PDB file of all heavy atoms in Angstrom:
ATOM      1  N   CYS A   1       0.796  -1.163  -0.037  1.00  0.00           N
ATOM      2  CA  CYS A   1       0.026  -0.050   0.022  1.00  0.00           C
ATOM      3  C   CYS A   1       0.898   1.295   0.064  1.00  0.00           C
ATOM      4  O   CYS A   1       1.713   1.342   0.870  1.00  0.00           O
ATOM      5  CB  CYS A   1      -0.886   0.000   1.167  1.00  0.00           C
ATOM      6  SG  CYS A   1      -1.935   1.528   1.360  1.00  0.00           S
ATOM      7  N   ALA A   2       0.598   2.220  -0.790  1.00  0.00           N
ATOM      8  CA  ALA A   2       1.475   3.407  -1.041  1.00  0.00           C
ATOM      9  C   ALA A   2       1.307   4.294   0.277  1.00  0.00           C
ATOM     10  O   ALA A   2       2.229   4.963   0.582  1.00  0.00           O
ATOM     11  CB  ALA A   2       0.972   4.190  -2.200  1.00  0.00           C
ATOM     12  N   TYR A   3       0.145   4.088   0.934  1.00  0.00           N
ATOM     13  CA  TYR A   3      -0.058   4.875   2.125  1.00  0.00           C
ATOM     14  C   TYR A   3       0.625   4.262   3.384  1.00  0.00           C
ATOM     15  O   TYR A   3       0.624   4.892   4.464  1.00  0.00           O
ATOM     16  CB  TYR A   3      -1.524   5.102   2.426  1.00  0.00           C
ATOM     17  CG  TYR A   3      -1.793   6.027   3.545  1.00  0.00           C
ATOM     18  CD1 TYR A   3      -1.513   7.305   3.483  1.00  0.00           C
ATOM     19  CD2 TYR A   3      -2.507   5.627   4.702  1.00  0.00           C
ATOM     20  CE1 TYR A   3      -1.910   8.224   4.539  1.00  0.00           C
ATOM     21  CE2 TYR A   3      -2.822   6.483   5.759  1.00  0.00           C
ATOM     22  CZ  TYR A   3      -2.462   7.780   5.675  1.00  0.00           C
ATOM     23  OH  TYR A   3      -2.783   8.669   6.657  1.00  0.00           O
ATOM     24  N   ALA A   4       1.030   3.025   3.337  1.00  0.00           N
ATOM     25  CA  ALA A   4       1.563   2.328   4.554  1.00  0.00           C
ATOM     26  C   ALA A   4       2.636   3.020   5.334  1.00  0.00           C
ATOM     27  O   ALA A   4       2.618   3.113   6.508  1.00  0.00           O
ATOM     28  CB  ALA A   4       2.120   0.885   4.006  1.00  0.00           C
ATOM     29  N   PRO A   5       3.546   3.809   4.709  1.00  0.00           N
ATOM     30  CA  PRO A   5       4.695   4.499   5.439  1.00  0.00           C
ATOM     31  C   PRO A   5       4.129   5.554   6.320  1.00  0.00           C
ATOM     32  O   PRO A   5       4.658   6.012   7.322  1.00  0.00           O
ATOM     33  CB  PRO A   5       5.550   5.099   4.404  1.00  0.00           C
ATOM     34  CG  PRO A   5       5.249   4.340   3.168  1.00  0.00           C
ATOM     35  CD  PRO A   5       3.861   3.796   3.219  1.00  0.00           C
ATOM     36  N   ARG A   6       2.978   6.076   6.084  1.00  0.00           N
ATOM     37  CA  ARG A   6       2.289   7.217   6.827  1.00  0.00           C
ATOM     38  C   ARG A   6       1.183   6.630   7.700  1.00  0.00           C
ATOM     39  O   ARG A   6       0.539   7.468   8.569  1.00  0.00           O
ATOM     40  CB  ARG A   6       1.732   8.319   6.049  1.00  0.00           C
ATOM     41  CG  ARG A   6       2.830   9.009   5.380  1.00  0.00           C
ATOM     42  CD  ARG A   6       2.355  10.032   4.167  1.00  0.00           C
ATOM     43  NE  ARG A   6       1.127  10.896   4.563  1.00  0.00           N
ATOM     44  CZ  ARG A   6       0.574  11.689   3.679  1.00  0.00           C
ATOM     45  NH1 ARG A   6       1.155  11.835   2.497  1.00  0.00           N
ATOM     46  NH2 ARG A   6      -0.506  12.398   4.069  1.00  0.00           N
ATOM     47  N   CYS A   7       0.763   5.361   7.592  1.00  0.00           N
ATOM     48  CA  CYS A   7      -0.479   4.855   8.231  1.00  0.00           C
ATOM     49  C   CYS A   7      -0.053   4.296   9.546  1.00  0.00           C
ATOM     50  O   CYS A   7       0.674   3.482   9.772  1.00  0.00           O
ATOM     51  CB  CYS A   7      -1.141   3.784   7.366  1.00  0.00           C
ATOM     52  SG  CYS A   7      -2.636   3.159   8.113  1.00  0.00           S
ATOM     53  N   PRO A   8      -0.757   4.740  10.718  1.00  0.00           N
ATOM     54  CA  PRO A   8      -0.456   4.396  12.003  1.00  0.00           C
ATOM     55  C   PRO A   8      -1.054   2.926  12.269  1.00  0.00           C
ATOM     56  O   PRO A   8      -0.661   2.255  13.223  1.00  0.00           O
ATOM     57  CB  PRO A   8      -1.160   5.402  12.997  1.00  0.00           C
ATOM     58  CG  PRO A   8      -2.254   6.008  12.063  1.00  0.00           C
ATOM     59  CD  PRO A   8      -1.727   6.002  10.654  1.00  0.00           C
ATOM     60  N   LYS A   9      -1.863   2.509  11.342  1.00  0.00           N
ATOM     61  CA  LYS A   9      -2.547   1.177  11.610  1.00  0.00           C
ATOM     62  C   LYS A   9      -1.942   0.166  10.546  1.00  0.00           C
ATOM     63  O   LYS A   9      -2.400  -1.008  10.549  1.00  0.00           O
ATOM     64  CB  LYS A   9      -4.024   1.191  11.255  1.00  0.00           C
ATOM     65  CG  LYS A   9      -4.753   2.227  12.325  1.00  0.00           C
ATOM     66  CD  LYS A   9      -6.277   2.206  12.006  1.00  0.00           C
ATOM     67  CE  LYS A   9      -6.942   3.143  13.003  1.00  0.00           C
ATOM     68  NZ  LYS A   9      -6.731   2.665  14.410  1.00  0.00           N
ATOM     69  N   ALA A  10      -0.783   0.478   9.876  1.00  0.00           N
ATOM     70  CA  ALA A  10      -0.345  -0.413   8.884  1.00  0.00           C
ATOM     71  C   ALA A  10       0.321  -1.739   9.588  1.00  0.00           C
ATOM     72  O   ALA A  10       0.847  -1.514  10.651  1.00  0.00           O
ATOM     73  CB  ALA A  10       0.817   0.257   8.065  1.00  0.00           C
ATOM     74  N   ARG A  11       0.156  -2.817   8.806  1.00  0.00           N
ATOM     75  CA  ARG A  11       0.716  -4.165   9.309  1.00  0.00           C
ATOM     76  C   ARG A  11       1.487  -4.696   8.240  1.00  0.00           C
ATOM     77  O   ARG A  11       1.709  -4.115   7.190  1.00  0.00           O
ATOM     78  CB  ARG A  11      -0.419  -4.935   9.843  1.00  0.00           C
ATOM     79  CG  ARG A  11      -1.444  -4.388  10.746  1.00  0.00           C
ATOM     80  CD  ARG A  11      -2.532  -5.387  11.186  1.00  0.00           C
ATOM     81  NE  ARG A  11      -3.537  -4.729  11.987  1.00  0.00           N
ATOM     82  CZ  ARG A  11      -4.755  -5.286  12.463  1.00  0.00           C
ATOM     83  NH1 ARG A  11      -4.836  -6.646  11.947  1.00  0.00           N
ATOM     84  NH2 ARG A  11      -5.584  -4.738  13.101  1.00  0.00           N
ATOM     85  N   ASP A  12       2.068  -5.839   8.533  1.00  0.00           N
ATOM     86  CA  ASP A  12       2.898  -6.471   7.565  1.00  0.00           C
ATOM     87  C   ASP A  12       2.304  -6.740   6.219  1.00  0.00           C
ATOM     88  O   ASP A  12       2.905  -6.494   5.101  1.00  0.00           O
ATOM     89  CB  ASP A  12       3.472  -7.830   8.088  1.00  0.00           C
ATOM     90  CG  ASP A  12       4.458  -7.793   9.223  1.00  0.00           C
ATOM     91  OD1 ASP A  12       4.915  -6.589   9.457  1.00  0.00           O
ATOM     92  OD2 ASP A  12       4.603  -8.642  10.006  1.00  0.00           O
ATOM     93  N   VAL A  13       1.086  -7.145   6.213  1.00  0.00           N
ATOM     94  CA  VAL A  13       0.365  -7.302   4.982  1.00  0.00           C
ATOM     95  C   VAL A  13       0.193  -6.062   4.072  1.00  0.00           C
ATOM     96  O   VAL A  13       0.231  -6.104   2.827  1.00  0.00           O
ATOM     97  CB  VAL A  13      -1.011  -7.962   5.139  1.00  0.00           C
ATOM     98  CG1 VAL A  13      -1.930  -6.977   5.852  1.00  0.00           C
ATOM     99  CG2 VAL A  13      -1.659  -8.424   3.826  1.00  0.00           C
ATOM    100  N   CYS A  14       0.116  -4.857   4.792  1.00  0.00           N
ATOM    101  CA  CYS A  14      -0.013  -3.685   4.109  1.00  0.00           C
ATOM    102  C   CYS A  14       1.317  -3.311   3.393  1.00  0.00           C
ATOM    103  O   CYS A  14       1.330  -2.612   2.232  1.00  0.00           O
ATOM    104  CB  CYS A  14      -0.309  -2.467   5.131  1.00  0.00           C
ATOM    105  SG  CYS A  14      -1.716  -2.808   5.979  1.00  0.00           S
ATOM    106  N   VAL A  15       2.391  -3.670   3.755  1.00  0.00           N
ATOM    107  CA  VAL A  15       3.709  -3.509   3.164  1.00  0.00           C
ATOM    108  C   VAL A  15       3.993  -4.471   2.105  1.00  0.00           C
ATOM    109  O   VAL A  15       4.608  -4.163   1.081  1.00  0.00           O
ATOM    110  CB  VAL A  15       4.971  -3.610   4.257  1.00  0.00           C
ATOM    111  CG1 VAL A  15       6.176  -3.332   3.645  1.00  0.00           C
ATOM    112  CG2 VAL A  15       4.766  -2.538   5.338  1.00  0.00           C
ATOM    113  N   ALA A  16       3.490  -5.598   2.291  1.00  0.00           N
ATOM    114  CA  ALA A  16       3.619  -6.695   1.173  1.00  0.00           C
ATOM    115  C   ALA A  16       2.717  -6.674   0.078  1.00  0.00           C
ATOM    116  O   ALA A  16       3.084  -7.113  -1.035  1.00  0.00           O
ATOM    117  CB  ALA A  16       3.722  -8.028   1.990  1.00  0.00           C
ATOM    118  N   GLU A  17       1.492  -6.184   0.332  1.00  0.00           N
ATOM    119  CA  GLU A  17       0.360  -6.418  -0.653  1.00  0.00           C
ATOM    120  C   GLU A  17      -0.435  -5.145  -0.820  1.00  0.00           C
ATOM    121  O   GLU A  17      -0.961  -4.654   0.108  1.00  0.00           O
ATOM    122  CB  GLU A  17      -0.514  -7.567  -0.423  1.00  0.00           C
ATOM    123  CG  GLU A  17      -1.529  -7.880  -1.365  1.00  0.00           C
ATOM    124  CD  GLU A  17      -2.444  -9.008  -0.797  1.00  0.00           C
ATOM    125  OE1 GLU A  17      -2.020  -9.765   0.166  1.00  0.00           O
ATOM    126  OE2 GLU A  17      -3.499  -9.163  -1.326  1.00  0.00           O
ATOM    127  N   ALA A  18      -0.650  -4.697  -2.084  1.00  0.00           N
ATOM    128  CA  ALA A  18      -1.384  -3.424  -2.320  1.00  0.00           C
ATOM    129  C   ALA A  18      -3.006  -3.867  -2.261  1.00  0.00           C
ATOM    130  O   ALA A  18      -3.283  -4.891  -2.897  1.00  0.00           O
ATOM    131  CB  ALA A  18      -1.107  -2.799  -3.624  1.00  0.00           C
ATOM    132  N   PRO A  19      -3.694  -3.068  -1.393  1.00  0.00           N
ATOM    133  CA  PRO A  19      -5.106  -3.428  -1.348  1.00  0.00           C
ATOM    134  C   PRO A  19      -5.910  -3.050  -2.630  1.00  0.00           C
ATOM    135  O   PRO A  19      -5.588  -1.941  -3.258  1.00  0.00           O
ATOM    136  CB  PRO A  19      -5.602  -2.626  -0.160  1.00  0.00           C
ATOM    137  CG  PRO A  19      -4.740  -1.570  -0.027  1.00  0.00           C
ATOM    138  CD  PRO A  19      -3.401  -1.989  -0.645  1.00  0.00           C
ATOM    139  N   ALA A  20      -6.863  -3.755  -2.983  1.00  0.00           N
ATOM    140  CA  ALA A  20      -7.731  -3.481  -4.162  1.00  0.00           C
ATOM    141  C   ALA A  20      -8.895  -2.581  -3.566  1.00  0.00           C
ATOM    142  O   ALA A  20      -9.282  -2.668  -2.552  1.00  0.00           O
ATOM    143  CB  ALA A  20      -8.244  -4.681  -4.778  1.00  0.00           C
ATOM    144  N   LEU A  21      -9.455  -1.833  -4.591  1.00  0.00           N
ATOM    145  CA  LEU A  21     -10.612  -0.975  -4.204  1.00  0.00           C
ATOM    146  C   LEU A  21     -11.913  -1.965  -4.152  1.00  0.00           C
ATOM    147  O   LEU A  21     -12.188  -2.533  -5.141  1.00  0.00           O
ATOM    148  CB  LEU A  21     -10.825   0.137  -5.337  1.00  0.00           C
ATOM    149  CG  LEU A  21     -11.694   1.169  -4.938  1.00  0.00           C
ATOM    150  CD1 LEU A  21     -11.173   2.139  -3.818  1.00  0.00           C
ATOM    151  CD2 LEU A  21     -11.970   2.134  -6.160  1.00  0.00           C
ATOM    152  N   ARG A  22     -12.439  -2.044  -2.877  1.00  0.00           N
ATOM    153  CA  ARG A  22     -13.493  -3.084  -2.753  1.00  0.00           C
ATOM    154  C   ARG A  22     -14.768  -2.497  -2.153  1.00  0.00           C
ATOM    155  O   ARG A  22     -14.631  -1.415  -1.643  1.00  0.00           O
ATOM    156  CB  ARG A  22     -13.045  -4.269  -2.036  1.00  0.00           C
ATOM    157  CG  ARG A  22     -12.601  -3.812  -0.653  1.00  0.00           C
ATOM    158  CD  ARG A  22     -11.915  -5.129   0.181  1.00  0.00           C
ATOM    159  NE  ARG A  22     -11.380  -4.875   1.379  1.00  0.00           N
ATOM    160  CZ  ARG A  22     -12.045  -4.844   2.637  1.00  0.00           C
ATOM    161  NH1 ARG A  22     -13.296  -5.193   2.509  1.00  0.00           N
ATOM    162  NH2 ARG A  22     -11.454  -4.546   3.663  1.00  0.00           N
ATOM    163  N   ASP A  23     -15.911  -3.091  -2.375  1.00  0.00           N
ATOM    164  CA  ASP A  23     -17.129  -2.574  -1.799  1.00  0.00           C
ATOM    165  C   ASP A  23     -17.316  -2.744  -0.427  1.00  0.00           C
ATOM    166  O   ASP A  23     -17.012  -3.811   0.106  1.00  0.00           O
ATOM    167  CB  ASP A  23     -18.330  -3.134  -2.705  1.00  0.00           C
ATOM    168  CG  ASP A  23     -18.297  -2.760  -4.237  1.00  0.00           C
ATOM    169  OD1 ASP A  23     -17.809  -1.721  -4.558  1.00  0.00           O
ATOM    170  OD2 ASP A  23     -18.685  -3.517  -5.025  1.00  0.00           O
ATOM    171  N   LEU A  24     -17.917  -1.811   0.255  1.00  0.00           N
ATOM    172  CA  LEU A  24     -18.336  -1.846   1.660  1.00  0.00           C
ATOM    173  C   LEU A  24     -19.901  -2.105   1.700  1.00  0.00           C
ATOM    174  O   LEU A  24     -20.578  -1.704   0.831  1.00  0.00           O
ATOM    175  CB  LEU A  24     -17.844  -0.720   2.448  1.00  0.00           C
ATOM    176  CG  LEU A  24     -16.359  -0.503   2.577  1.00  0.00           C
ATOM    177  CD1 LEU A  24     -16.058   0.728   3.495  1.00  0.00           C
ATOM    178  CD2 LEU A  24     -15.712  -1.644   3.316  1.00  0.00           C
ATOM    179  N   PRO A  25     -20.387  -2.523   2.790  1.00  0.00           N
ATOM    180  CA  PRO A  25     -21.817  -2.722   2.838  1.00  0.00           C
ATOM    181  C   PRO A  25     -22.561  -1.494   2.834  1.00  0.00           C
ATOM    182  O   PRO A  25     -23.849  -1.511   2.369  1.00  0.00           O
ATOM    183  CB  PRO A  25     -22.021  -3.395   4.228  1.00  0.00           C
ATOM    184  CG  PRO A  25     -20.737  -4.093   4.542  1.00  0.00           C
ATOM    185  CD  PRO A  25     -19.632  -3.134   3.887  1.00  0.00           C
ATOM    186  N   ASP A  26     -22.016  -0.321   3.150  1.00  0.00           N
ATOM    187  CA  ASP A  26     -22.751   1.014   3.176  1.00  0.00           C
ATOM    188  C   ASP A  26     -22.851   1.710   1.719  1.00  0.00           C
ATOM    189  O   ASP A  26     -23.250   2.801   1.577  1.00  0.00           O
ATOM    190  CB  ASP A  26     -22.263   1.861   4.292  1.00  0.00           C
ATOM    191  CG  ASP A  26     -20.841   2.258   4.095  1.00  0.00           C
ATOM    192  OD1 ASP A  26     -20.137   1.955   3.014  1.00  0.00           O
ATOM    193  OD2 ASP A  26     -20.144   2.714   4.939  1.00  0.00           O
ATOM    194  N   GLY A  27     -22.213   1.061   0.708  1.00  0.00           N
ATOM    195  CA  GLY A  27     -22.209   1.566  -0.580  1.00  0.00           C
ATOM    196  C   GLY A  27     -20.945   2.287  -1.029  1.00  0.00           C
ATOM    197  O   GLY A  27     -20.761   2.641  -2.102  1.00  0.00           O
ATOM    198  N   ARG A  28     -19.945   2.422  -0.119  1.00  0.00           N
ATOM    199  CA  ARG A  28     -18.686   2.982  -0.476  1.00  0.00           C
ATOM    200  C   ARG A  28     -17.713   1.869  -1.026  1.00  0.00           C
ATOM    201  O   ARG A  28     -17.991   0.703  -1.017  1.00  0.00           O
ATOM    202  CB  ARG A  28     -18.002   3.545   0.764  1.00  0.00           C
ATOM    203  CG  ARG A  28     -18.427   4.988   1.143  1.00  0.00           C
ATOM    204  CD  ARG A  28     -17.772   5.562   2.240  1.00  0.00           C
ATOM    205  NE  ARG A  28     -18.210   4.933   3.607  1.00  0.00           N
ATOM    206  CZ  ARG A  28     -17.708   5.193   4.738  1.00  0.00           C
ATOM    207  NH1 ARG A  28     -16.850   6.227   4.865  1.00  0.00           N
ATOM    208  NH2 ARG A  28     -18.187   4.602   5.838  1.00  0.00           N
ATOM    209  N   ARG A  29     -16.582   2.502  -1.623  1.00  0.00           N
ATOM    210  CA  ARG A  29     -15.555   1.568  -2.014  1.00  0.00           C
ATOM    211  C   ARG A  29     -14.309   2.039  -1.340  1.00  0.00           C
ATOM    212  O   ARG A  29     -14.066   3.263  -1.238  1.00  0.00           O
ATOM    213  CB  ARG A  29     -15.341   1.617  -3.556  1.00  0.00           C
ATOM    214  CG  ARG A  29     -16.746   1.296  -4.305  1.00  0.00           C
ATOM    215  CD  ARG A  29     -16.547   1.419  -5.765  1.00  0.00           C
ATOM    216  NE  ARG A  29     -15.611   0.284  -6.286  1.00  0.00           N
ATOM    217  CZ  ARG A  29     -14.932   0.381  -7.440  1.00  0.00           C
ATOM    218  NH1 ARG A  29     -14.952   1.351  -8.150  1.00  0.00           N
ATOM    219  NH2 ARG A  29     -14.207  -0.696  -7.857  1.00  0.00           N
ATOM    220  N   VAL A  30     -13.435   1.277  -0.924  1.00  0.00           N
ATOM    221  CA  VAL A  30     -12.270   1.518  -0.071  1.00  0.00           C
ATOM    222  C   VAL A  30     -11.197   0.611  -0.396  1.00  0.00           C
ATOM    223  O   VAL A  30     -11.315  -0.612  -0.600  1.00  0.00           O
ATOM    224  CB  VAL A  30     -12.597   1.648   1.396  1.00  0.00           C
ATOM    225  CG1 VAL A  30     -12.861   0.230   1.910  1.00  0.00           C
ATOM    226  CG2 VAL A  30     -11.331   2.191   2.174  1.00  0.00           C
ATOM    227  N   ALA A  31      -9.879   1.156  -0.531  1.00  0.00           N
ATOM    228  CA  ALA A  31      -8.773   0.405  -0.858  1.00  0.00           C
ATOM    229  C   ALA A  31      -7.951   0.327   0.397  1.00  0.00           C
ATOM    230  O   ALA A  31      -6.952   1.116   0.559  1.00  0.00           O
ATOM    231  CB  ALA A  31      -7.963   0.891  -1.977  1.00  0.00           C
ATOM    232  N   CYS A  32      -8.304  -0.617   1.362  1.00  0.00           N
ATOM    233  CA  CYS A  32      -7.580  -0.740   2.593  1.00  0.00           C
ATOM    234  C   CYS A  32      -7.852  -2.099   3.141  1.00  0.00           C
ATOM    235  O   CYS A  32      -8.867  -2.717   3.068  1.00  0.00           O
ATOM    236  CB  CYS A  32      -8.201   0.246   3.596  1.00  0.00           C
ATOM    237  SG  CYS A  32      -7.288   0.253   5.145  1.00  0.00           S
ATOM    238  N   HIS A  33      -6.694  -2.803   3.641  1.00  0.00           N
ATOM    239  CA  HIS A  33      -6.825  -4.057   4.250  1.00  0.00           C
ATOM    240  C   HIS A  33      -7.606  -3.829   5.593  1.00  0.00           C
ATOM    241  O   HIS A  33      -8.323  -5.043   5.932  1.00  0.00           O
ATOM    242  CB  HIS A  33      -5.558  -4.707   4.450  1.00  0.00           C
ATOM    243  CG  HIS A  33      -4.673  -4.994   3.321  1.00  0.00           C
ATOM    244  ND1 HIS A  33      -5.124  -5.976   2.275  1.00  0.00           N
ATOM    245  CD2 HIS A  33      -3.577  -4.433   2.750  1.00  0.00           C
ATOM    246  CE1 HIS A  33      -4.220  -6.053   1.365  1.00  0.00           C
ATOM    247  NE2 HIS A  33      -3.287  -5.088   1.499  1.00  0.00           N
ATOM    248  N   PHE A  34      -7.446  -2.884   6.147  1.00  0.00           N
ATOM    249  CA  PHE A  34      -8.160  -2.670   7.530  1.00  0.00           C
ATOM    250  C   PHE A  34      -8.943  -1.431   7.669  1.00  0.00           C
ATOM    251  O   PHE A  34      -8.526  -0.505   8.392  1.00  0.00           O
ATOM    252  CB  PHE A  34      -7.113  -2.838   8.709  1.00  0.00           C
ATOM    253  CG  PHE A  34      -6.341  -4.046   8.591  1.00  0.00           C
ATOM    254  CD1 PHE A  34      -5.027  -4.028   7.959  1.00  0.00           C
ATOM    255  CD2 PHE A  34      -6.681  -5.309   9.024  1.00  0.00           C
ATOM    256  CE1 PHE A  34      -4.150  -5.061   7.958  1.00  0.00           C
ATOM    257  CE2 PHE A  34      -5.835  -6.471   8.919  1.00  0.00           C
ATOM    258  CZ  PHE A  34      -4.546  -6.425   8.426  1.00  0.00           C
ATOM    259  N   PRO A  35     -10.041  -1.375   6.814  1.00  0.00           N
ATOM    260  CA  PRO A  35     -10.886  -0.085   6.931  1.00  0.00           C
ATOM    261  C   PRO A  35     -11.325   0.188   8.280  1.00  0.00           C
ATOM    262  O   PRO A  35     -11.673  -0.675   9.025  1.00  0.00           O
ATOM    263  CB  PRO A  35     -11.964  -0.471   5.829  1.00  0.00           C
ATOM    264  CG  PRO A  35     -12.112  -1.912   5.779  1.00  0.00           C
ATOM    265  CD  PRO A  35     -10.754  -2.410   5.990  1.00  0.00           C
ATOM    266  N   LEU A  36     -11.458   1.510   8.496  1.00  0.00           N
ATOM    267  CA  LEU A  36     -11.930   1.901   9.791  1.00  0.00           C
ATOM    268  C   LEU A  36     -13.478   1.472   9.950  1.00  0.00           C
ATOM    269  O   LEU A  36     -14.240   1.643   9.096  1.00  0.00           O
ATOM    270  CB  LEU A  36     -11.845   3.431  10.006  1.00  0.00           C
ATOM    271  CG  LEU A  36     -10.549   4.047   9.612  1.00  0.00           C
ATOM    272  CD1 LEU A  36     -10.545   5.634   9.718  1.00  0.00           C
ATOM    273  CD2 LEU A  36      -9.452   3.536  10.797  1.00  0.00           C
ATOM    274  N   VAL A  37     -13.725   1.078  11.136  1.00  0.00           N
ATOM    275  CA  VAL A  37     -15.137   0.437  11.425  1.00  0.00           C
ATOM    276  C   VAL A  37     -15.825   1.500  12.311  1.00  0.00           C
ATOM    277  O   VAL A  37     -15.332   1.941  13.291  1.00  0.00           O
ATOM    278  CB  VAL A  37     -14.986  -0.878  12.130  1.00  0.00           C
ATOM    279  CG1 VAL A  37     -16.423  -1.328  12.524  1.00  0.00           C
ATOM    280  CG2 VAL A  37     -14.267  -1.904  11.243  1.00  0.00           C
ATOM    281  N   HIS A  38     -17.089   1.734  11.915  1.00  0.00           N
ATOM    282  CA  HIS A  38     -17.798   2.742  12.586  1.00  0.00           C
ATOM    283  C   HIS A  38     -19.071   1.908  13.115  1.00  0.00           C
ATOM    284  O   HIS A  38     -19.888   1.372  12.238  1.00  0.00           O
ATOM    285  CB  HIS A  38     -18.251   3.879  11.683  1.00  0.00           C
ATOM    286  CG  HIS A  38     -17.074   4.633  11.221  1.00  0.00           C
ATOM    287  ND1 HIS A  38     -16.391   5.618  11.890  1.00  0.00           N
ATOM    288  CD2 HIS A  38     -16.462   4.537   9.912  1.00  0.00           C
ATOM    289  CE1 HIS A  38     -15.559   6.042  11.112  1.00  0.00           C
ATOM    290  NE2 HIS A  38     -15.474   5.544  10.027  1.00  0.00           N
ATOM    291  N   ARG A  39     -19.305   2.007  14.397  1.00  0.00           N
ATOM    292  CA  ARG A  39     -20.427   1.438  15.017  1.00  0.00           C
ATOM    293  C   ARG A  39     -21.751   2.372  14.861  1.00  0.00           C
ATOM    294  O   ARG A  39     -21.616   3.575  14.959  1.00  0.00           O
ATOM    295  CB  ARG A  39     -20.328   1.185  16.409  1.00  0.00           C
ATOM    296  CG  ARG A  39     -19.273   0.071  16.753  1.00  0.00           C
ATOM    297  CD  ARG A  39     -19.260  -0.275  18.219  1.00  0.00           C
ATOM    298  NE  ARG A  39     -18.282  -1.276  18.516  1.00  0.00           N
ATOM    299  CZ  ARG A  39     -16.989  -1.011  18.922  1.00  0.00           C
ATOM    300  NH1 ARG A  39     -16.614   0.189  18.966  1.00  0.00           N
ATOM    301  NH2 ARG A  39     -16.124  -2.187  19.032  1.00  0.00           N
ATOM    302  N   PRO A  40     -22.820   1.751  14.517  1.00  0.00           N
ATOM    303  CA  PRO A  40     -24.019   2.552  14.378  1.00  0.00           C
ATOM    304  C   PRO A  40     -24.375   3.269  15.695  1.00  0.00           C
ATOM    305  O   PRO A  40     -24.313   2.743  16.648  1.00  0.00           O
ATOM    306  CB  PRO A  40     -25.162   1.666  13.874  1.00  0.00           C
ATOM    307  CG  PRO A  40     -24.679   0.339  14.358  1.00  0.00           C
ATOM    308  CD  PRO A  40     -23.181   0.362  14.294  1.00  0.00           C
ATOM    309  N   THR A  41     -24.904   4.628  15.604  1.00  0.00           N
ATOM    310  CA  THR A  41     -25.163   5.322  17.008  1.00  0.00           C
ATOM    311  C   THR A  41     -26.697   5.260  17.145  1.00  0.00           C
ATOM    312  O   THR A  41     -27.447   4.946  16.296  1.00  0.00           O
ATOM    313  CB  THR A  41     -24.780   6.815  16.683  1.00  0.00           C
ATOM    314  OG1 THR A  41     -25.477   7.245  15.545  1.00  0.00           O
ATOM    315  CG2 THR A  41     -23.414   7.002  16.564  1.00  0.00           C
TER     316      THR A  41
END
């Protein structure tokens, strides 16, 4: 992942493998192995 050097949540897989842009249940698309999770309020 190009953002891995700046990402505080980066792990080994982030350095080794670029994430693909994938769909989330809420209709968004995100390229991240560990997208931020938001609990419903």
